[in-house]
Amino acid sequence: TRLPLPKLLHLQRTFSKMNAMLVISSDNDLGNISPREAQALRVASWTP
């Protein structure tokens, strides 16, 4: 998705309990994602 992380919080409960990963496509660096604030952890980035 291209949606920012704050608009994806409704997926948090499902994703935290299963083998799932968000792939957020954007033209700008997201910076560090705080596990406490966003309940998300960026594990990798991808560039062509």
All heavy atoms as atom14 arrays in JSON, in Angstrom:
{
  "sequence": "TRLPLPKLLHLQRTFSKMNAMLVISSDNDLGNISPREAQALRVASWTP",
  "atom14_mask": [
    [1, 1, 1, 1, 1, 1, 1, 0, 0, 0, 0, 0, 0, 0],
    [1, 1, 1, 1, 1, 1, 1, 1, 1, 1, 1, 0, 0, 0],
    [1, 1, 1, 1, 1, 1, 1, 1, 0, 0, 0, 0, 0, 0],
    [1, 1, 1, 1, 1, 1, 1, 0, 0, 0, 0, 0, 0, 0],
    [1, 1, 1, 1, 1, 1, 1, 1, 0, 0, 0, 0, 0, 0],
    [1, 1, 1, 1, 1, 1, 1, 0, 0, 0, 0, 0, 0, 0],
    [1, 1, 1, 1, 1, 1, 1, 1, 1, 0, 0, 0, 0, 0],
    [1, 1, 1, 1, 1, 1, 1, 1, 0, 0, 0, 0, 0, 0],
    [1, 1, 1, 1, 1, 1, 1, 1, 0, 0, 0, 0, 0, 0],
    [1, 1, 1, 1, 1, 1, 1, 1, 1, 1, 0, 0, 0, 0],
    [1, 1, 1, 1, 1, 1, 1, 1, 0, 0, 0, 0, 0, 0],
    [1, 1, 1, 1, 1, 1, 1, 1, 1, 0, 0, 0, 0, 0],
    [1, 1, 1, 1, 1, 1, 1, 1, 1, 1, 1, 0, 0, 0],
    [1, 1, 1, 1, 1, 1, 1, 0, 0, 0, 0, 0, 0, 0],
    [1, 1, 1, 1, 1, 1, 1, 1, 1, 1, 1, 0, 0, 0],
    [1, 1, 1, 1, 1, 1, 0, 0, 0, 0, 0, 0, 0, 0],
    [1, 1, 1, 1, 1, 1, 1, 1, 1, 0, 0, 0, 0, 0],
    [1, 1, 1, 1, 1, 1, 1, 1, 0, 0, 0, 0, 0, 0],
    [1, 1, 1, 1, 1, 1, 1, 1, 0, 0, 0, 0, 0, 0],
    [1, 1, 1, 1, 1, 0, 0, 0, 0, 0, 0, 0, 0, 0],
    [1, 1, 1, 1, 1, 1, 1, 1, 0, 0, 0, 0, 0, 0],
    [1, 1, 1, 1, 1, 1, 1, 1, 0, 0, 0, 0, 0, 0],
    [1, 1, 1, 1, 1, 1, 1, 0, 0, 0, 0, 0, 0, 0],
    [1, 1, 1, 1, 1, 1, 1, 1, 0, 0, 0, 0, 0, 0],
    [1, 1, 1, 1, 1, 1, 0, 0, 0, 0, 0, 0, 0, 0],
    [1, 1, 1, 1, 1, 1, 0, 0, 0, 0, 0, 0, 0, 0],
    [1, 1, 1, 1, 1, 1, 1, 1, 0, 0, 0, 0, 0, 0],
    [1, 1, 1, 1, 1, 1, 1, 1, 0, 0, 0, 0, 0, 0],
    [1, 1, 1, 1, 1, 1, 1, 1, 0, 0, 0, 0, 0, 0],
    [1, 1, 1, 1, 1, 1, 1, 1, 0, 0, 0, 0, 0, 0],
    [1, 1, 1, 1, 0, 0, 0, 0, 0, 0, 0, 0, 0, 0],
    [1, 1, 1, 1, 1, 1, 1, 1, 0, 0, 0, 0, 0, 0],
    [1, 1, 1, 1, 1, 1, 1, 1, 0, 0, 0, 0, 0, 0],
    [1, 1, 1, 1, 1, 1, 0, 0, 0, 0, 0, 0, 0, 0],
    [1, 1, 1, 1, 1, 1, 1, 0, 0, 0, 0, 0, 0, 0],
    [1, 1, 1, 1, 1, 1, 1, 1, 1, 1, 1, 0, 0, 0],
    [1, 1, 1, 1, 1, 1, 1, 1, 1, 0, 0, 0, 0, 0],
    [1, 1, 1, 1, 1, 0, 0, 0, 0, 0, 0, 0, 0, 0],
    [1, 1, 1, 1, 1, 1, 1, 1, 1, 0, 0, 0, 0, 0],
    [1, 1, 1, 1, 1, 0, 0, 0, 0, 0, 0, 0, 0, 0],
    [1, 1, 1, 1, 1, 1, 1, 1, 0, 0, 0, 0, 0, 0],
    [1, 1, 1, 1, 1, 1, 1, 1, 1, 1, 1, 0, 0, 0],
    [1, 1, 1, 1, 1, 1, 1, 0, 0, 0, 0, 0, 0, 0],
    [1, 1, 1, 1, 1, 0, 0, 0, 0, 0, 0, 0, 0, 0],
    [1, 1, 1, 1, 1, 1, 0, 0, 0, 0, 0, 0, 0, 0],
    [1, 1, 1, 1, 1, 1, 1, 1, 1, 1, 1, 1, 1, 1],
    [1, 1, 1, 1, 1, 1, 1, 0, 0, 0, 0, 0, 0, 0],
    [1, 1, 1, 1, 1, 1, 1, 0, 0, 0, 0, 0, 0, 0]
  ],
  "atom14_positions": [
    [[0.83, -1.2, 0.0], [0.0, 0.0, 0.0], [0.87, 1.25, 0.0], [2.05, 1.2, 0.35], [-0.94, 0.01, 1.23], [-1.8, 1.14, 1.17], [-0.13, 0.05, 2.52], [0.0, 0.0, 0.0], [0.0, 0.0, 0.0], [0.0, 0.0, 0.0], [0.0, 0.0, 0.0], [0.0, 0.0, 0.0], [0.0, 0.0, 0.0], [0.0, 0.0, 0.0]],
    [[0.26, 2.37, -0.39], [0.89, 3.68, -0.26], [0.34, 4.46, 0.93], [0.74, 5.6, 1.16], [0.7, 4.49, -1.55], [1.61, 4.08, -2.69], [1.49, 5.01, -3.88], [2.49, 4.71, -4.88], [3.72, 5.22, -4.91], [4.08, 6.06, -3.95], [4.57, 4.91, -5.85], [0.0, 0.0, 0.0], [0.0, 0.0, 0.0], [0.0, 0.0, 0.0]],
    [[-0.57, 3.86, 1.67], [-1.13, 4.54, 2.83], [-0.07, 4.69, 3.91], [0.72, 3.78, 4.16], [-2.32, 3.74, 3.38], [-3.56, 3.66, 2.51], [-4.58, 2.73, 3.13], [-4.17, 5.05, 2.29], [0.0, 0.0, 0.0], [0.0, 0.0, 0.0], [0.0, 0.0, 0.0], [0.0, 0.0, 0.0], [0.0, 0.0, 0.0], [0.0, 0.0, 0.0]],
    [[-0.06, 5.84, 4.62], [0.9, 6.0, 5.72], [0.53, 5.1, 6.9], [-0.62, 4.69, 7.06], [0.76, 7.49, 6.09], [-0.62, 7.85, 5.66], [-0.9, 7.04, 4.43], [0.0, 0.0, 0.0], [0.0, 0.0, 0.0], [0.0, 0.0, 0.0], [0.0, 0.0, 0.0], [0.0, 0.0, 0.0], [0.0, 0.0, 0.0], [0.0, 0.0, 0.0]],
    [[1.51, 4.85, 7.73], [1.33, 3.92, 8.84], [0.18, 4.29, 9.78], [-0.56, 3.41, 10.22], [2.64, 3.8, 9.62], [2.73, 2.65, 10.62], [2.55, 1.31, 9.93], [4.06, 2.7, 11.36], [0.0, 0.0, 0.0], [0.0, 0.0, 0.0], [0.0, 0.0, 0.0], [0.0, 0.0, 0.0], [0.0, 0.0, 0.0], [0.0, 0.0, 0.0]],
    [[-0.03, 5.59, 10.12], [-1.14, 5.92, 11.04], [-2.51, 5.5, 10.52], [-3.42, 5.28, 11.31], [-1.04, 7.44, 11.16], [0.4, 7.75, 10.91], [0.82, 6.78, 9.86], [0.0, 0.0, 0.0], [0.0, 0.0, 0.0], [0.0, 0.0, 0.0], [0.0, 0.0, 0.0], [0.0, 0.0, 0.0], [0.0, 0.0, 0.0], [0.0, 0.0, 0.0]],
    [[-2.66, 5.38, 9.2], [-3.95, 4.97, 8.65], [-4.09, 3.45, 8.56], [-5.1, 2.95, 8.07], [-4.13, 5.58, 7.25], [-4.31, 7.09, 7.26], [-4.67, 7.61, 5.88], [-4.9, 9.12, 5.92], [-5.29, 9.64, 4.59], [0.0, 0.0, 0.0], [0.0, 0.0, 0.0], [0.0, 0.0, 0.0], [0.0, 0.0, 0.0], [0.0, 0.0, 0.0]],
    [[-3.11, 2.74, 9.06], [-3.13, 1.28, 8.99], [-3.2, 0.64, 10.38], [-3.0, -0.56, 10.52], [-1.87, 0.77, 8.26], [-1.71, 1.27, 6.83], [-0.32, 0.92, 6.31], [-2.77, 0.67, 5.92], [0.0, 0.0, 0.0], [0.0, 0.0, 0.0], [0.0, 0.0, 0.0], [0.0, 0.0, 0.0], [0.0, 0.0, 0.0], [0.0, 0.0, 0.0]],
    [[-3.49, 1.45, 11.39], [-3.49, 0.93, 12.76], [-4.59, -0.1, 12.98], [-4.49, -0.93, 13.89], [-3.64, 2.09, 13.76], [-2.49, 3.1, 13.78], [-2.75, 4.17, 14.81], [-1.16, 2.4, 14.04], [0.0, 0.0, 0.0], [0.0, 0.0, 0.0], [0.0, 0.0, 0.0], [0.0, 0.0, 0.0], [0.0, 0.0, 0.0], [0.0, 0.0, 0.0]],
    [[-5.67, -0.07, 12.17], [-6.74, -1.04, 12.34], [-6.29, -2.45, 11.95], [-6.97, -3.42, 12.26], [-7.96, -0.64, 11.5], [-7.68, -0.52, 10.03], [-6.99, 0.53, 9.5], [-7.99, -1.33, 9.0], [-6.89, 0.39, 8.19], [-7.48, -0.75, 7.86], [0.0, 0.0, 0.0], [0.0, 0.0, 0.0], [0.0, 0.0, 0.0], [0.0, 0.0, 0.0]],
    [[-5.14, -2.56, 11.28], [-4.6, -3.87, 10.92], [-3.68, -4.43, 12.01], [-3.26, -5.57, 11.92], [-3.82, -3.78, 9.61], [-4.58, -3.27, 8.39], [-3.63, -3.14, 7.21], [-5.73, -4.19, 8.03], [0.0, 0.0, 0.0], [0.0, 0.0, 0.0], [0.0, 0.0, 0.0], [0.0, 0.0, 0.0], [0.0, 0.0, 0.0], [0.0, 0.0, 0.0]],
    [[-3.41, -3.61, 13.01], [-2.39, -3.98, 14.0], [-2.71, -5.28, 14.73], [-1.85, -6.14, 14.88], [-2.25, -2.85, 15.01], [-1.32, -3.16, 16.18], [-1.27, -2.03, 17.16], [-1.27, -0.86, 16.78], [-1.25, -2.36, 18.45], [0.0, 0.0, 0.0], [0.0, 0.0, 0.0], [0.0, 0.0, 0.0], [0.0, 0.0, 0.0], [0.0, 0.0, 0.0]],
    [[-3.96, -5.44, 15.16], [-4.32, -6.61, 15.95], [-4.12, -7.91, 15.17], [-3.57, -8.87, 15.68], [-5.78, -6.5, 16.42], [-6.23, -7.66, 17.27], [-7.67, -7.5, 17.72], [-8.11, -8.63, 18.51], [-9.35, -8.79, 18.95], [-10.26, -7.86, 18.69], [-9.68, -9.83, 19.67], [0.0, 0.0, 0.0], [0.0, 0.0, 0.0], [0.0, 0.0, 0.0]],
    [[-4.58, -7.91, 13.91], [-4.43, -9.1, 13.09], [-2.97, -9.38, 12.79], [-2.47, -10.49, 12.96], [-5.21, -8.94, 11.78], [-6.57, -8.68, 12.06], [-5.12, -10.21, 10.95], [0.0, 0.0, 0.0], [0.0, 0.0, 0.0], [0.0, 0.0, 0.0], [0.0, 0.0, 0.0], [0.0, 0.0, 0.0], [0.0, 0.0, 0.0], [0.0, 0.0, 0.0]],
    [[-2.25, -8.34, 12.35], [-0.87, -8.53, 11.9], [0.05, -8.93, 13.04], [1.01, -9.67, 12.82], [-0.36, -7.25, 11.25], [-0.85, -7.07, 9.84], [-1.98, -7.72, 9.39], [-0.19, -6.24, 8.98], [-2.45, -7.55, 8.11], [-0.63, -6.07, 7.67], [-1.76, -6.72, 7.24], [0.0, 0.0, 0.0], [0.0, 0.0, 0.0], [0.0, 0.0, 0.0]],
    [[-0.22, -8.44, 14.25], [0.66, -8.75, 15.36], [0.56, -10.21, 15.78], [1.44, -10.73, 16.46], [0.33, -7.85, 16.56], [-0.98, -8.11, 17.02], [0.0, 0.0, 0.0], [0.0, 0.0, 0.0], [0.0, 0.0, 0.0], [0.0, 0.0, 0.0], [0.0, 0.0, 0.0], [0.0, 0.0, 0.0], [0.0, 0.0, 0.0], [0.0, 0.0, 0.0]],
    [[-0.5, -10.89, 15.37], [-0.73, -12.27, 15.8], [-0.4, -13.28, 14.71], [-0.61, -14.48, 14.91], [-2.19, -12.45, 16.23], [-2.56, -11.65, 17.46], [-4.01, -11.88, 17.84], [-4.38, -11.1, 19.09], [-5.8, -11.31, 19.47], [0.0, 0.0, 0.0], [0.0, 0.0, 0.0], [0.0, 0.0, 0.0], [0.0, 0.0, 0.0], [0.0, 0.0, 0.0]],
    [[0.07, -12.83, 13.56], [0.3, -13.79, 12.48], [1.55, -13.43, 11.7], [2.23, -12.45, 11.97], [-0.92, -13.84, 11.56], [-1.21, -12.54, 10.85], [-2.42, -12.77, 9.56], [-1.65, -14.05, 8.58], [0.0, 0.0, 0.0], [0.0, 0.0, 0.0], [0.0, 0.0, 0.0], [0.0, 0.0, 0.0], [0.0, 0.0, 0.0], [0.0, 0.0, 0.0]],
    [[1.83, -14.25, 10.71], [3.02, -14.12, 9.89], [2.76, -13.09, 8.8], [2.58, -13.44, 7.64], [3.35, -15.49, 9.28], [4.82, -15.64, 9.0], [5.59, -14.71, 9.15], [5.22, -16.82, 8.57], [0.0, 0.0, 0.0], [0.0, 0.0, 0.0], [0.0, 0.0, 0.0], [0.0, 0.0, 0.0], [0.0, 0.0, 0.0], [0.0, 0.0, 0.0]],
    [[2.73, -11.82, 9.16], [2.31, -10.78, 8.23], [3.3, -9.63, 8.21], [4.04, -9.4, 9.16], [0.93, -10.25, 8.62], [0.0, 0.0, 0.0], [0.0, 0.0, 0.0], [0.0, 0.0, 0.0], [0.0, 0.0, 0.0], [0.0, 0.0, 0.0], [0.0, 0.0, 0.0], [0.0, 0.0, 0.0], [0.0, 0.0, 0.0], [0.0, 0.0, 0.0]],
    [[3.28, -8.91, 7.08], [4.18, -7.78, 6.93], [3.54, -6.73, 6.03], [2.9, -7.05, 5.03], [5.52, -8.22, 6.34], [6.58, -7.14, 6.3], [8.24, -7.82, 6.05], [8.03, -8.61, 4.45], [0.0, 0.0, 0.0], [0.0, 0.0, 0.0], [0.0, 0.0, 0.0], [0.0, 0.0, 0.0], [0.0, 0.0, 0.0], [0.0, 0.0, 0.0]],
    [[3.67, -5.47, 6.42], [3.22, -4.35, 5.61], [4.34, -3.93, 4.67], [5.5, -3.81, 5.08], [2.86, -3.16, 6.49], [1.52, -3.18, 7.21], [1.48, -2.07, 8.25], [0.38, -3.02, 6.23], [0.0, 0.0, 0.0], [0.0, 0.0, 0.0], [0.0, 0.0, 0.0], [0.0, 0.0, 0.0], [0.0, 0.0, 0.0], [0.0, 0.0, 0.0]],
    [[4.0, -3.71, 3.4], [4.95, -3.16, 2.45], [4.44, -1.77, 2.08], [3.44, -1.62, 1.38], [5.05, -4.04, 1.19], [6.04, -3.43, 0.2], [5.48, -5.45, 1.56], [0.0, 0.0, 0.0], [0.0, 0.0, 0.0], [0.0, 0.0, 0.0], [0.0, 0.0, 0.0], [0.0, 0.0, 0.0], [0.0, 0.0, 0.0], [0.0, 0.0, 0.0]],
    [[5.08, -0.74, 2.62], [4.64, 0.64, 2.43], [5.5, 1.29, 1.35], [6.7, 1.46, 1.52], [4.72, 1.43, 3.74], [3.86, 0.76, 4.82], [4.28, 2.87, 3.53], [3.96, 1.41, 6.17], [0.0, 0.0, 0.0], [0.0, 0.0, 0.0], [0.0, 0.0, 0.0], [0.0, 0.0, 0.0], [0.0, 0.0, 0.0], [0.0, 0.0, 0.0]],
    [[4.86, 1.63, 0.25], [5.57, 2.24, -0.87], [5.42, 3.75, -0.81], [4.32, 4.28, -0.75], [5.0, 1.72, -2.2], [5.63, 2.35, -3.29], [0.0, 0.0, 0.0], [0.0, 0.0, 0.0], [0.0, 0.0, 0.0], [0.0, 0.0, 0.0], [0.0, 0.0, 0.0], [0.0, 0.0, 0.0], [0.0, 0.0, 0.0], [0.0, 0.0, 0.0]],
    [[6.56, 4.46, -0.78], [6.53, 5.93, -0.76], [7.8, 6.45, -1.39], [8.8, 5.73, -1.52], [6.38, 6.44, 0.67], [7.53, 6.12, 1.43], [0.0, 0.0, 0.0], [0.0, 0.0, 0.0], [0.0, 0.0, 0.0], [0.0, 0.0, 0.0], [0.0, 0.0, 0.0], [0.0, 0.0, 0.0], [0.0, 0.0, 0.0], [0.0, 0.0, 0.0]],
    [[7.77, 7.73, -1.78], [8.93, 8.34, -2.42], [9.89, 8.95, -1.41], [10.97, 9.4, -1.78], [8.47, 9.43, -3.39], [7.66, 8.84, -4.54], [7.97, 7.71, -4.93], [6.73, 9.51, -5.02], [0.0, 0.0, 0.0], [0.0, 0.0, 0.0], [0.0, 0.0, 0.0], [0.0, 0.0, 0.0], [0.0, 0.0, 0.0], [0.0, 0.0, 0.0]],
    [[9.51, 8.99, -0.14], [10.35, 9.59, 0.89], [10.67, 8.57, 1.96], [9.89, 7.65, 2.23], [9.64, 10.79, 1.53], [9.32, 11.86, 0.52], [10.17, 12.28, -0.25], [8.06, 12.3, 0.5], [0.0, 0.0, 0.0], [0.0, 0.0, 0.0], [0.0, 0.0, 0.0], [0.0, 0.0, 0.0], [0.0, 0.0, 0.0], [0.0, 0.0, 0.0]],
    [[11.8, 8.75, 2.6], [12.2, 7.86, 3.68], [11.25, 8.03, 4.86], [10.94, 9.15, 5.26], [13.63, 8.18, 4.12], [14.23, 7.11, 5.0], [13.46, 6.24, 5.47], [15.44, 7.13, 5.22], [0.0, 0.0, 0.0], [0.0, 0.0, 0.0], [0.0, 0.0, 0.0], [0.0, 0.0, 0.0], [0.0, 0.0, 0.0], [0.0, 0.0, 0.0]],
    [[10.83, 6.92, 5.43], [9.89, 6.97, 6.55], [10.59, 7.33, 7.86], [9.94, 7.67, 8.83], [9.2, 5.62, 6.71], [8.3, 5.16, 5.57], [7.76, 3.78, 5.88], [7.16, 6.14, 5.36], [0.0, 0.0, 0.0], [0.0, 0.0, 0.0], [0.0, 0.0, 0.0], [0.0, 0.0, 0.0], [0.0, 0.0, 0.0], [0.0, 0.0, 0.0]],
    [[11.9, 7.2, 7.9], [12.59, 7.4, 9.16], [12.42, 6.18, 10.05], [11.9, 5.15, 9.64], [0.0, 0.0, 0.0], [0.0, 0.0, 0.0], [0.0, 0.0, 0.0], [0.0, 0.0, 0.0], [0.0, 0.0, 0.0], [0.0, 0.0, 0.0], [0.0, 0.0, 0.0], [0.0, 0.0, 0.0], [0.0, 0.0, 0.0], [0.0, 0.0, 0.0]],
    [[12.85, 6.27, 11.28], [12.72, 5.15, 12.2], [11.29, 5.05, 12.71], [10.66, 6.05, 13.02], [13.68, 5.33, 13.39], [15.13, 5.22, 12.95], [15.44, 4.45, 12.06], [15.99, 6.0, 13.58], [0.0, 0.0, 0.0], [0.0, 0.0, 0.0], [0.0, 0.0, 0.0], [0.0, 0.0, 0.0], [0.0, 0.0, 0.0], [0.0, 0.0, 0.0]],
    [[10.78, 3.84, 12.8], [9.44, 3.59, 13.3], [9.55, 3.11, 14.73], [10.18, 2.1, 15.0], [8.71, 2.55, 12.44], [8.59, 3.07, 11.0], [7.34, 2.24, 13.0], [7.99, 2.06, 10.05], [0.0, 0.0, 0.0], [0.0, 0.0, 0.0], [0.0, 0.0, 0.0], [0.0, 0.0, 0.0], [0.0, 0.0, 0.0], [0.0, 0.0, 0.0]],
    [[8.97, 3.84, 15.65], [9.07, 3.51, 17.06], [8.12, 2.38, 17.41], [6.91, 2.51, 17.21], [8.76, 4.72, 17.92], [8.6, 4.35, 19.27], [0.0, 0.0, 0.0], [0.0, 0.0, 0.0], [0.0, 0.0, 0.0], [0.0, 0.0, 0.0], [0.0, 0.0, 0.0], [0.0, 0.0, 0.0], [0.0, 0.0, 0.0], [0.0, 0.0, 0.0]],
    [[8.59, 1.25, 17.94], [7.69, 0.17, 18.33], [6.68, 0.59, 19.39], [5.58, 0.1, 19.43], [8.64, -0.91, 18.86], [9.97, -0.58, 18.25], [10.0, 0.92, 18.12], [0.0, 0.0, 0.0], [0.0, 0.0, 0.0], [0.0, 0.0, 0.0], [0.0, 0.0, 0.0], [0.0, 0.0, 0.0], [0.0, 0.0, 0.0], [0.0, 0.0, 0.0]],
    [[7.05, 1.53, 20.29], [6.13, 1.94, 21.35], [5.02, 2.82, 20.82], [3.86, 2.69, 21.19], [6.91, 2.66, 22.45], [7.83, 1.74, 23.24], [8.46, 2.49, 24.4], [9.31, 1.61, 25.2], [9.96, 2.01, 26.29], [9.86, 3.27, 26.69], [10.71, 1.17, 26.96], [0.0, 0.0, 0.0], [0.0, 0.0, 0.0], [0.0, 0.0, 0.0]],
    [[5.37, 3.76, 19.93], [4.37, 4.7, 19.45], [3.49, 4.11, 18.37], [2.28, 4.28, 18.38], [5.07, 5.96, 18.92], [5.82, 6.74, 20.0], [6.53, 7.93, 19.44], [6.42, 8.14, 18.2], [7.19, 8.64, 20.2], [0.0, 0.0, 0.0], [0.0, 0.0, 0.0], [0.0, 0.0, 0.0], [0.0, 0.0, 0.0], [0.0, 0.0, 0.0]],
    [[4.07, 3.43, 17.4], [3.31, 2.95, 16.26], [3.03, 1.46, 16.32], [2.31, 0.94, 15.49], [4.06, 3.28, 14.96], [0.0, 0.0, 0.0], [0.0, 0.0, 0.0], [0.0, 0.0, 0.0], [0.0, 0.0, 0.0], [0.0, 0.0, 0.0], [0.0, 0.0, 0.0], [0.0, 0.0, 0.0], [0.0, 0.0, 0.0], [0.0, 0.0, 0.0]],
    [[3.61, 0.78, 17.31], [3.46, -0.67, 17.42], [3.87, -1.34, 16.13], [3.23, -2.27, 15.65], [2.01, -1.02, 17.79], [1.58, -0.52, 19.15], [2.4, -1.1, 20.28], [2.59, -2.31, 20.34], [2.92, -0.26, 21.13], [0.0, 0.0, 0.0], [0.0, 0.0, 0.0], [0.0, 0.0, 0.0], [0.0, 0.0, 0.0], [0.0, 0.0, 0.0]],
    [[4.93, -0.84, 15.51], [5.42, -1.41, 14.26], [6.94, -1.37, 14.28], [7.55, -0.52, 14.92], [4.88, -0.64, 13.06], [0.0, 0.0, 0.0], [0.0, 0.0, 0.0], [0.0, 0.0, 0.0], [0.0, 0.0, 0.0], [0.0, 0.0, 0.0], [0.0, 0.0, 0.0], [0.0, 0.0, 0.0], [0.0, 0.0, 0.0], [0.0, 0.0, 0.0]],
    [[7.55, -2.28, 13.57], [8.99, -2.37, 13.5], [9.4, -2.54, 12.05], [8.98, -3.49, 11.39], [9.51, -3.55, 14.33], [11.02, -3.82, 14.25], [11.79, -2.65, 14.85], [11.36, -5.11, 14.97], [0.0, 0.0, 0.0], [0.0, 0.0, 0.0], [0.0, 0.0, 0.0], [0.0, 0.0, 0.0], [0.0, 0.0, 0.0], [0.0, 0.0, 0.0]],
    [[10.18, -1.6, 11.55], [10.64, -1.72, 10.17], [11.79, -2.71, 10.12], [12.83, -2.5, 10.73], [11.08, -0.36, 9.61], [11.45, -0.45, 8.13], [11.69, 0.92, 7.54], [12.9, 1.54, 8.05], [13.33, 2.73, 7.64], [12.63, 3.43, 6.78], [14.45, 3.22, 8.13], [0.0, 0.0, 0.0], [0.0, 0.0, 0.0], [0.0, 0.0, 0.0]],
    [[11.62, -3.77, 9.37], [12.65, -4.8, 9.3], [13.54, -4.63, 8.08], [14.66, -5.16, 8.06], [12.02, -6.21, 9.28], [11.32, -6.49, 10.59], [11.07, -6.38, 8.11], [0.0, 0.0, 0.0], [0.0, 0.0, 0.0], [0.0, 0.0, 0.0], [0.0, 0.0, 0.0], [0.0, 0.0, 0.0], [0.0, 0.0, 0.0], [0.0, 0.0, 0.0]],
    [[13.07, -3.9, 7.04], [13.88, -3.77, 5.84], [13.37, -2.63, 4.97], [12.27, -2.11, 5.17], [13.85, -5.07, 5.03], [0.0, 0.0, 0.0], [0.0, 0.0, 0.0], [0.0, 0.0, 0.0], [0.0, 0.0, 0.0], [0.0, 0.0, 0.0], [0.0, 0.0, 0.0], [0.0, 0.0, 0.0], [0.0, 0.0, 0.0], [0.0, 0.0, 0.0]],
    [[14.18, -2.23, 4.02], [13.78, -1.28, 2.98], [14.18, -1.86, 1.64], [15.01, -2.78, 1.55], [14.43, 0.09, 3.2], [15.85, -0.03, 3.16], [0.0, 0.0, 0.0], [0.0, 0.0, 0.0], [0.0, 0.0, 0.0], [0.0, 0.0, 0.0], [0.0, 0.0, 0.0], [0.0, 0.0, 0.0], [0.0, 0.0, 0.0], [0.0, 0.0, 0.0]],
    [[13.56, -1.34, 0.58], [13.84, -1.85, -0.77], [13.98, -0.69, -1.73], [13.19, 0.26, -1.7], [12.71, -2.76, -1.23], [12.92, -3.35, -2.6], [13.5, -4.55, -2.9], [12.53, -2.78, -3.86], [13.51, -4.75, -4.25], [12.92, -3.68, -4.87], [11.9, -1.59, -4.22], [12.7, -3.42, -6.22], [11.68, -1.33, -5.57], [12.08, -2.25, -6.55]],
    [[15.0, -0.75, -2.58], [15.17, 0.2, -3.67], [15.52, -0.59, -4.93], [16.07, -1.7, -4.84], [16.3, 1.21, -3.39], [17.53, 0.51, -3.19], [16.0, 2.04, -2.15], [0.0, 0.0, 0.0], [0.0, 0.0, 0.0], [0.0, 0.0, 0.0], [0.0, 0.0, 0.0], [0.0, 0.0, 0.0], [0.0, 0.0, 0.0], [0.0, 0.0, 0.0]],
    [[15.21, -0.05, -6.11], [15.5, -0.78, -7.35], [16.99, -1.09, -7.52], [17.35, -2.14, -8.04], [15.0, 0.18, -8.45], [14.01, 1.06, -7.77], [14.48, 1.21, -6.36], [0.0, 0.0, 0.0], [0.0, 0.0, 0.0], [0.0, 0.0, 0.0], [0.0, 0.0, 0.0], [0.0, 0.0, 0.0], [0.0, 0.0, 0.0], [0.0, 0.0, 0.0]]
  ]
}
